[in-house]
N, C-alpha and C. Protein backbone atom coordinates (compact mmCIF):
# COMPACT_ATOMS: atom_id res chain seq x y z
N MET A 1 -31.20 -14.02 5.38
CA MET A 1 -29.86 -14.21 5.63
C MET A 1 -28.78 -13.20 5.26
N SER A 2 -28.38 -12.32 6.41
CA SER A 2 -27.27 -11.68 6.00
C SER A 2 -26.00 -11.54 5.69
N SER A 3 -25.55 -10.74 4.86
CA SER A 3 -24.00 -10.95 4.30
C SER A 3 -23.10 -9.92 4.89
N PHE A 4 -21.96 -10.10 4.57
CA PHE A 4 -21.34 -9.58 5.57
C PHE A 4 -19.76 -8.69 4.77
N TYR A 5 -19.78 -7.94 4.74
CA TYR A 5 -18.34 -7.57 3.85
C TYR A 5 -17.00 -8.09 4.68
N GLN A 6 -16.37 -8.56 3.51
CA GLN A 6 -15.21 -9.18 3.37
C GLN A 6 -13.95 -8.50 2.37
N PRO A 7 -12.75 -8.02 2.84
CA PRO A 7 -12.39 -7.27 1.89
C PRO A 7 -11.20 -7.83 1.10
N GLU A 8 -11.62 -7.87 -0.39
CA GLU A 8 -10.73 -8.53 -1.67
C GLU A 8 -9.34 -8.36 -1.15
N ALA A 9 -8.79 -9.46 -1.57
CA ALA A 9 -7.15 -9.35 -2.01
C ALA A 9 -6.55 -8.25 -2.75
N PRO A 10 -7.27 -7.51 -3.79
CA PRO A 10 -6.73 -6.38 -4.36
C PRO A 10 -6.44 -5.00 -3.24
N LEU A 11 -7.60 -5.00 -2.71
CA LEU A 11 -7.91 -3.70 -1.62
C LEU A 11 -6.36 -4.08 -0.67
N LEU A 12 -6.37 -5.24 -0.27
CA LEU A 12 -6.15 -5.54 0.98
C LEU A 12 -4.43 -5.26 0.47
N GLN A 13 -4.02 -6.02 -1.10
CA GLN A 13 -2.69 -5.72 -1.30
C GLN A 13 -2.46 -4.25 -1.52
N ALA A 14 -3.39 -3.00 -2.02
CA ALA A 14 -2.91 -2.32 -1.98
C ALA A 14 -2.57 -1.23 -0.68
N PHE A 15 -3.35 -1.91 0.34
CA PHE A 15 -2.84 -0.97 1.64
C PHE A 15 -1.48 -2.09 2.27
N GLY A 16 -0.90 -2.78 1.40
CA GLY A 16 0.36 -3.36 1.63
C GLY A 16 0.67 -4.56 2.43
N PHE A 17 -0.75 -5.34 2.28
CA PHE A 17 -0.69 -6.28 3.15
C PHE A 17 -0.44 -7.92 2.21
N THR A 18 0.44 -8.79 2.60
CA THR A 18 1.23 -9.67 1.86
C THR A 18 0.00 -10.62 2.11
N GLN A 19 -0.44 -11.77 1.05
CA GLN A 19 -0.87 -12.99 1.62
C GLN A 19 -0.09 -14.24 2.38
N PHE A 20 -0.70 -14.78 3.36
CA PHE A 20 0.17 -15.84 3.89
C PHE A 20 -0.34 -16.99 4.11
N ALA A 21 0.14 -18.62 3.94
CA ALA A 21 -0.63 -19.40 4.63
C ALA A 21 -0.99 -19.37 6.01
N SER A 22 -2.47 -20.68 5.60
CA SER A 22 -3.45 -20.24 7.04
C SER A 22 -4.40 -21.43 7.02
N PRO A 23 -4.95 -21.80 8.11
CA PRO A 23 -5.53 -23.27 8.32
C PRO A 23 -7.09 -23.23 7.37
N ALA A 24 -7.22 -23.91 7.27
CA ALA A 24 -8.64 -24.11 6.34
C ALA A 24 -9.33 -23.60 6.87
N GLY A 25 -10.20 -22.80 6.41
CA GLY A 25 -11.79 -22.12 6.59
C GLY A 25 -11.34 -20.49 7.15
N GLN A 26 -9.53 -20.34 6.64
CA GLN A 26 -9.77 -18.85 7.06
C GLN A 26 -8.11 -18.19 6.06
N VAL A 27 -8.23 -16.94 5.65
CA VAL A 27 -7.20 -16.52 4.84
C VAL A 27 -6.40 -15.36 5.68
N ARG A 28 -5.06 -15.68 5.59
CA ARG A 28 -4.51 -14.77 6.67
C ARG A 28 -3.87 -13.57 5.59
N TYR A 29 -3.62 -12.64 5.95
CA TYR A 29 -2.90 -11.41 5.36
C TYR A 29 -1.98 -10.50 6.58
N SER A 30 -0.83 -10.14 6.05
CA SER A 30 -0.10 -9.57 7.12
C SER A 30 0.77 -8.29 6.13
N ARG A 31 1.40 -7.54 7.08
CA ARG A 31 2.27 -6.25 6.49
C ARG A 31 3.23 -5.58 8.07
N PRO A 32 4.06 -5.52 7.63
CA PRO A 32 4.68 -5.16 8.63
C PRO A 32 4.36 -3.42 9.31
N SER A 33 4.62 -3.33 10.48
CA SER A 33 4.04 -1.99 10.90
C SER A 33 5.73 -1.19 11.53
N GLU A 34 5.16 -0.41 12.22
CA GLU A 34 6.58 1.14 12.56
C GLU A 34 7.08 0.22 13.68
N CYS A 35 6.13 -0.68 14.22
CA CYS A 35 6.66 -1.67 15.85
C CYS A 35 6.30 -3.18 15.67
N GLY A 36 5.67 -3.45 14.69
CA GLY A 36 5.44 -5.28 14.79
C GLY A 36 4.93 -5.67 13.47
N GLN A 37 3.93 -5.94 13.68
CA GLN A 37 3.25 -7.00 12.22
C GLN A 37 1.32 -6.59 12.49
N GLU A 38 0.94 -6.48 11.49
CA GLU A 38 -0.45 -6.40 11.28
C GLU A 38 -0.77 -7.52 10.67
N THR A 39 -1.99 -8.07 11.25
CA THR A 39 -2.48 -9.01 10.38
C THR A 39 -3.84 -8.89 10.68
N ILE A 40 -4.60 -9.20 9.46
CA ILE A 40 -6.28 -9.40 9.38
C ILE A 40 -6.41 -11.11 8.49
N VAL A 41 -7.38 -11.78 9.41
CA VAL A 41 -7.50 -13.04 9.09
C VAL A 41 -9.27 -12.67 8.67
N LEU A 42 -9.36 -13.07 7.65
CA LEU A 42 -11.22 -14.13 7.30
C LEU A 42 -10.95 -15.05 7.07
N TYR A 43 -12.61 -15.07 8.06
CA TYR A 43 -13.08 -16.69 8.25
C TYR A 43 -14.16 -16.61 7.12
N THR A 44 -14.58 -17.87 6.86
CA THR A 44 -15.42 -18.19 6.02
C THR A 44 -16.94 -17.90 6.50
N ASP A 45 -17.21 -17.85 7.54
CA ASP A 45 -18.41 -17.72 8.09
C ASP A 45 -18.62 -15.96 8.10
N GLY A 46 -17.49 -15.05 7.64
CA GLY A 46 -18.06 -13.71 7.68
C GLY A 46 -17.24 -12.60 8.48
N GLU A 47 -16.70 -13.75 9.29
CA GLU A 47 -15.90 -12.85 10.88
C GLU A 47 -14.16 -12.35 9.74
N LEU A 48 -14.16 -11.39 11.05
CA LEU A 48 -12.52 -10.94 10.47
C LEU A 48 -12.06 -10.89 11.79
N THR A 49 -10.46 -10.44 12.11
CA THR A 49 -9.96 -10.40 12.85
C THR A 49 -8.67 -9.66 12.56
N LEU A 50 -8.50 -8.61 13.73
CA LEU A 50 -7.48 -7.61 13.36
C LEU A 50 -6.41 -8.06 14.42
N LEU A 51 -5.26 -7.98 14.19
CA LEU A 51 -4.01 -8.33 15.36
C LEU A 51 -2.89 -7.82 15.15
N GLU A 52 -2.06 -7.58 15.87
CA GLU A 52 -0.49 -6.87 16.04
C GLU A 52 0.22 -7.49 16.79
N ALA A 53 1.33 -7.92 16.67
CA ALA A 53 2.12 -8.36 17.35
C ALA A 53 3.41 -7.35 17.36
N VAL A 54 3.84 -7.22 18.62
CA VAL A 54 4.49 -5.82 19.00
C VAL A 54 5.36 -6.56 20.16
N ASN A 55 6.86 -6.44 19.80
CA ASN A 55 7.44 -7.12 20.33
C ASN A 55 7.35 -7.99 21.18
N GLY A 56 6.94 -9.02 19.92
CA GLY A 56 7.04 -10.47 20.44
C GLY A 56 5.73 -10.56 21.05
N GLN A 57 4.79 -9.53 21.53
CA GLN A 57 3.51 -10.12 22.17
C GLN A 57 2.14 -9.50 21.15
N LEU A 58 1.12 -10.60 21.41
CA LEU A 58 -0.07 -10.43 20.29
C LEU A 58 -1.08 -9.62 20.81
N LEU A 59 -1.41 -8.65 20.28
CA LEU A 59 -2.54 -7.92 20.67
C LEU A 59 -3.59 -8.19 19.61
N TYR A 60 -4.81 -8.47 20.07
CA TYR A 60 -5.89 -8.63 19.68
C TYR A 60 -6.93 -7.50 19.69
N CYS A 61 -6.84 -7.10 18.31
CA CYS A 61 -7.76 -5.17 18.42
C CYS A 61 -9.11 -5.31 18.27
N PHE A 62 -9.83 -6.69 17.61
CA PHE A 62 -10.85 -6.71 16.85
C PHE A 62 -11.01 -7.79 16.11
N GLN A 63 -12.54 -8.65 16.84
CA GLN A 63 -13.22 -9.82 15.83
C GLN A 63 -14.64 -9.12 15.82
N GLY A 64 -15.10 -9.78 14.97
CA GLY A 64 -16.22 -9.31 14.47
C GLY A 64 -16.87 -9.23 13.08
N ARG A 65 -17.78 -9.12 12.52
CA ARG A 65 -18.29 -8.66 10.89
C ARG A 65 -18.42 -7.27 10.92
N LEU A 66 -18.28 -7.04 9.57
CA LEU A 66 -18.18 -5.25 9.11
C LEU A 66 -19.13 -5.59 8.07
N ALA A 67 -19.79 -4.69 7.92
CA ALA A 67 -20.88 -4.16 6.31
C ALA A 67 -20.67 -3.89 5.65
N SER A 68 -19.51 -2.99 5.61
CA SER A 68 -19.04 -1.83 3.78
C SER A 68 -17.15 -1.98 4.22
N GLU A 69 -16.97 -1.49 2.94
CA GLU A 69 -15.37 -0.97 3.01
C GLU A 69 -15.42 0.33 4.15
N ALA A 70 -16.19 1.27 3.99
CA ALA A 70 -15.92 2.42 4.51
C ALA A 70 -15.58 1.67 5.87
N GLU A 71 -16.64 0.69 6.57
CA GLU A 71 -16.67 0.42 8.12
C GLU A 71 -15.09 0.05 8.27
N LEU A 72 -14.77 -0.46 7.01
CA LEU A 72 -13.36 -1.43 7.31
C LEU A 72 -12.41 0.09 8.01
N ARG A 73 -11.75 0.81 6.91
CA ARG A 73 -11.51 1.82 6.76
C ARG A 73 -11.64 2.72 8.10
N VAL A 74 -12.61 2.77 8.71
CA VAL A 74 -12.77 3.51 9.91
C VAL A 74 -12.11 2.66 11.52
N LEU A 75 -12.48 1.25 11.17
CA LEU A 75 -11.99 0.48 11.92
C LEU A 75 -10.36 -0.05 11.88
N LEU A 76 -9.65 0.23 10.77
CA LEU A 76 -8.41 0.56 10.80
C LEU A 76 -8.07 1.69 10.98
N ARG A 77 -8.30 2.75 11.12
CA ARG A 77 -7.91 3.87 11.59
C ARG A 77 -8.41 4.14 13.10
N GLN A 78 -8.71 3.03 13.80
CA GLN A 78 -9.28 3.27 15.01
C GLN A 78 -8.18 2.72 15.82
N VAL A 79 -7.66 1.42 14.84
CA VAL A 79 -6.78 1.01 15.47
C VAL A 79 -5.35 1.43 15.67
N ASN A 80 -4.98 2.69 14.89
CA ASN A 80 -3.67 3.39 14.05
C ASN A 80 -3.05 2.39 13.28
N TRP A 81 -4.08 2.09 12.75
CA TRP A 81 -3.45 1.20 11.11
C TRP A 81 -3.82 2.44 9.85
N PRO A 82 -2.87 2.15 8.90
CA PRO A 82 -2.96 2.90 7.58
C PRO A 82 -3.84 2.83 7.09
N ALA A 83 -5.01 3.24 6.46
CA ALA A 83 -5.67 2.79 5.82
C ALA A 83 -5.83 3.58 4.71
N GLU A 84 -5.31 3.63 3.92
CA GLU A 84 -4.68 4.17 2.47
C GLU A 84 -3.70 2.99 1.80
N VAL A 85 -4.17 3.58 0.05
CA VAL A 85 -3.35 2.78 -0.84
C VAL A 85 -1.63 3.00 -0.39
N GLN A 86 -1.25 2.25 -0.62
CA GLN A 86 0.51 2.60 -0.62
C GLN A 86 1.40 2.29 -2.07
N ARG A 87 1.81 3.37 -1.90
CA ARG A 87 2.76 3.81 -3.19
C ARG A 87 3.50 2.75 -3.24
N ALA A 88 3.83 2.51 -4.40
CA ALA A 88 5.49 1.40 -4.70
C ALA A 88 6.46 2.46 -4.64
């Protein structure tokens, strides 16, 4: 059985994400972007979704599974989301 990487709350919080209420089977984190809202949804089956709301329109950037934190950082950069720890 394969295992997949899902980022943990401390890492997402360090990236500036805040956990929000979500339906059973998923955990949702969001943060403001320069032009909208960036959201990461983690599912219990190991999948992850990145989506961004811009000007009231929802854009799906990625849905799938990741192998490592490094792959997460590359994915965030590919969709032009900051992938660095934010300073308070």
